[in-house]
Amino acid sequence: MFKRLIYFSVILFFPLILVLDLILPDYKKITIITSANNQIHQQLTKRQNDMDQQLQLKKKISLLQNSKLAQANLQKIRSSDIYNTLSFLAKNNHLTITKMKPLPSENLDPGFIKQTIFLKIDGTEASLLQFLKLMLLQKWVTQIVDLDLSADKNLITLTITLIFYYETK
């Protein structure tokens, strides 16, 4: 009887041990795949949150643009002072102007110029909004035509297209 019990347990448990041995490496693979899926899900969630924050920032900027600050009386500025003034405003708000590019102004009245400004954002959302608010307070900024926020690695860039009222010499 004891012999039969040992024989039966060996016959029953040997295949079970063999099956567990085959399953165990798959379990490790499943764990690796699951952790990779979790990381992908976290990155997608983070990217979605970043996109939501950018959308909220764009909404705040458009509200700011439509405020009474943009309706101020026009005042001319020398075209040579545009970059200096905006650089000063940007530096005070932890932003860096990486370049400014004039755009064709064929549909604009004489004395107006359309320009795109590329800003590297080193500060916070609050400093960016403060910069835009101060920029709109400048009486020579007539309109923000376009805003575009883009992120590349750790660099966040804001592209603003503005129309300025400037003195022609």
Protein backbone atom coordinates (compact mmCIF):
# COMPACT_ATOMS: atom_id res chain seq x y z
CA MET A 1 0.00 0.00 0.00
CA PHE A 2 2.77 2.43 0.92
CA LYS A 3 4.57 1.52 -2.30
CA ARG A 4 1.48 2.33 -4.32
CA LEU A 5 1.11 5.66 -2.57
CA ILE A 6 4.72 6.63 -3.41
CA TYR A 7 4.31 5.39 -6.98
CA PHE A 8 1.03 7.33 -7.39
CA SER A 9 2.48 10.54 -5.89
CA VAL A 10 5.55 10.35 -8.16
CA ILE A 11 3.37 9.79 -11.23
CA LEU A 12 1.05 12.65 -10.20
CA PHE A 13 3.62 15.22 -9.03
CA PHE A 14 6.33 14.65 -11.66
CA PRO A 15 4.19 15.99 -14.53
CA LEU A 16 2.99 18.80 -12.25
CA ILE A 17 6.60 19.79 -11.51
CA LEU A 18 7.44 19.53 -15.20
CA VAL A 19 4.48 21.76 -16.13
CA LEU A 20 5.43 24.29 -13.44
CA ASP A 21 8.97 24.33 -14.80
CA LEU A 22 7.64 25.14 -18.26
CA ILE A 23 5.20 27.75 -16.97
CA LEU A 24 7.66 29.58 -14.71
CA PRO A 25 9.78 31.13 -17.50
CA ASP A 26 6.56 32.23 -19.21
CA TYR A 27 5.48 33.85 -15.95
CA LYS A 28 8.69 35.87 -16.00
CA LYS A 29 7.97 36.87 -19.60
CA ILE A 30 4.45 37.88 -18.65
CA THR A 31 5.82 39.98 -15.78
CA ILE A 32 8.24 41.75 -18.14
CA ILE A 33 5.50 42.37 -20.71
CA THR A 34 3.14 43.63 -18.00
CA SER A 35 5.73 46.06 -16.64
CA ALA A 36 6.47 47.32 -20.17
CA ASN A 37 2.74 47.84 -20.76
CA ASN A 38 2.50 49.75 -17.47
CA GLN A 39 5.40 52.01 -18.49
CA ILE A 40 3.83 52.68 -21.89
CA HIS A 41 0.51 53.45 -20.21
CA GLN A 42 2.24 55.87 -17.81
CA GLN A 43 4.01 57.64 -20.69
CA LEU A 44 0.78 57.93 -22.67
CA THR A 45 -1.02 59.28 -19.62
CA LYS A 46 1.77 61.80 -19.04
CA ARG A 47 1.70 62.87 -22.69
CA GLN A 48 -2.09 63.28 -22.53
CA ASN A 49 -1.75 65.38 -19.36
CA ASP A 50 0.90 67.53 -21.07
CA MET A 51 -1.38 68.04 -24.07
CA ASP A 52 -4.25 68.96 -21.73
CA GLN A 53 -2.02 71.50 -19.96
CA GLN A 54 -0.98 73.00 -23.31
CA LEU A 55 -4.63 73.26 -24.35
CA GLN A 56 -5.50 74.99 -21.06
CA LEU A 57 -2.56 77.36 -21.56
CA LYS A 58 -3.74 78.20 -25.09
CA LYS A 59 -7.24 78.89 -23.75
CA LYS A 60 -5.84 81.21 -21.06
CA ILE A 61 -3.73 82.99 -23.66
CA SER A 62 -6.68 83.50 -25.99
CA LEU A 63 -8.74 84.87 -23.10
CA LEU A 64 -5.90 87.19 -22.25
CA GLN A 65 -5.59 88.28 -25.87
CA ASN A 66 -9.27 89.12 -26.07
CA SER A 67 -9.15 91.14 -22.88
CA LYS A 68 -9.11 94.93 -22.74
CA LEU A 69 -5.30 94.82 -22.63
CA ALA A 70 -5.25 94.20 -26.38
CA GLN A 71 -7.63 97.11 -27.00
CA ALA A 72 -5.17 99.80 -25.81
CA ASN A 73 -4.50 102.90 -27.91
CA LEU A 74 -1.88 102.35 -30.59
CA GLN A 75 1.56 103.84 -30.22
CA LYS A 76 4.36 103.53 -32.77
CA ILE A 77 7.69 101.87 -32.02
CA ARG A 78 10.93 101.93 -33.98
CA SER A 79 11.46 98.58 -35.65
CA SER A 80 14.96 98.38 -34.13
CA ASP A 81 13.46 98.54 -30.62
CA ILE A 82 11.04 95.64 -31.05
CA TYR A 83 13.61 92.93 -30.37
CA ASN A 84 15.23 94.79 -27.46
CA THR A 85 11.90 95.46 -25.74
CA LEU A 86 10.61 91.92 -26.15
CA SER A 87 13.97 90.47 -25.03
CA PHE A 88 13.83 92.58 -21.89
CA LEU A 89 10.27 91.43 -21.15
CA ALA A 90 11.21 87.81 -21.83
CA LYS A 91 14.31 87.85 -19.60
CA ASN A 92 12.34 89.28 -16.69
CA ASN A 93 9.93 86.35 -17.02
CA HIS A 94 12.57 83.58 -17.38
CA LEU A 95 12.03 83.19 -21.13
CA THR A 96 14.56 83.38 -23.92
CA ILE A 97 13.83 84.67 -27.41
CA THR A 98 15.68 82.29 -29.69
CA LYS A 99 14.83 84.14 -32.90
CA MET A 100 12.47 86.61 -34.50
CA LYS A 101 11.45 86.29 -38.11
CA PRO A 102 9.63 88.99 -40.12
CA LEU A 103 6.75 87.66 -42.21
CA PRO A 104 5.35 89.04 -45.46
CA SER A 105 3.05 91.94 -44.70
CA GLU A 106 1.27 92.19 -48.03
CA ASN A 107 -2.23 92.51 -46.54
CA LEU A 108 -1.27 95.03 -43.87
CA ASP A 109 -1.57 98.80 -43.93
CA PRO A 110 1.66 100.83 -44.12
CA GLY A 111 3.28 101.15 -40.71
CA PHE A 112 2.29 97.67 -39.60
CA ILE A 113 4.58 94.66 -39.61
CA LYS A 114 3.87 90.99 -38.93
CA GLN A 115 6.58 89.07 -37.11
CA THR A 116 6.98 85.61 -35.64
CA ILE A 117 8.80 85.29 -32.33
CA PHE A 118 10.26 81.98 -31.13
CA LEU A 119 10.56 81.76 -27.35
CA LYS A 120 12.37 79.09 -25.36
CA ILE A 121 10.49 78.66 -22.11
CA ASP A 122 12.67 78.34 -19.02
CA GLY A 123 10.03 79.49 -16.58
CA THR A 124 6.58 78.43 -15.50
CA GLU A 125 3.16 78.83 -17.02
CA ALA A 126 2.63 81.86 -14.78
CA SER A 127 5.79 83.55 -16.09
CA LEU A 128 4.68 82.87 -19.67
CA LEU A 129 1.26 84.39 -19.02
CA GLN A 130 2.91 87.36 -17.30
CA PHE A 131 5.12 87.88 -20.36
CA LEU A 132 2.10 87.78 -22.69
CA LYS A 133 0.21 90.19 -20.45
CA LEU A 134 3.12 92.64 -20.41
CA MET A 135 3.58 92.25 -24.16
CA LEU A 136 -0.08 93.06 -24.76
CA LEU A 137 0.26 96.14 -22.55
CA GLN A 138 2.78 97.50 -25.03
CA LYS A 139 0.78 99.98 -27.06
CA TRP A 140 2.57 99.02 -30.28
CA VAL A 141 1.42 95.39 -30.20
CA THR A 142 -1.86 95.40 -32.10
CA GLN A 143 -2.78 91.75 -32.41
CA ILE A 144 -1.62 88.22 -31.66
CA VAL A 145 -2.29 86.36 -34.88
CA ASP A 146 -1.15 82.86 -33.94
CA LEU A 147 0.21 80.89 -30.98
CA ASP A 148 1.84 77.50 -31.16
CA LEU A 149 3.31 75.54 -28.27
CA SER A 150 5.66 72.64 -28.98
CA ALA A 151 7.79 70.43 -26.76
CA ASP A 152 10.97 68.65 -27.82
CA LYS A 153 12.79 66.71 -25.10
CA ASN A 154 13.19 69.20 -22.22
CA LEU A 155 12.75 72.27 -24.43
CA ILE A 156 9.36 73.93 -24.65
CA THR A 157 9.01 76.47 -27.44
CA LEU A 158 6.27 79.04 -27.91
CA THR A 159 5.87 80.55 -31.35
CA ILE A 160 3.91 83.81 -31.43
CA THR A 161 2.95 85.69 -34.56
CA LEU A 162 2.26 89.37 -33.82
CA ILE A 163 1.35 92.48 -35.72
CA PHE A 164 3.29 95.59 -34.64
CA TYR A 165 2.65 99.24 -35.31
CA TYR A 166 6.06 100.76 -36.01
CA GLU A 167 7.72 103.92 -37.25
CA THR A 168 9.02 103.87 -40.78
CA LYS A 169 12.14 105.93 -41.36
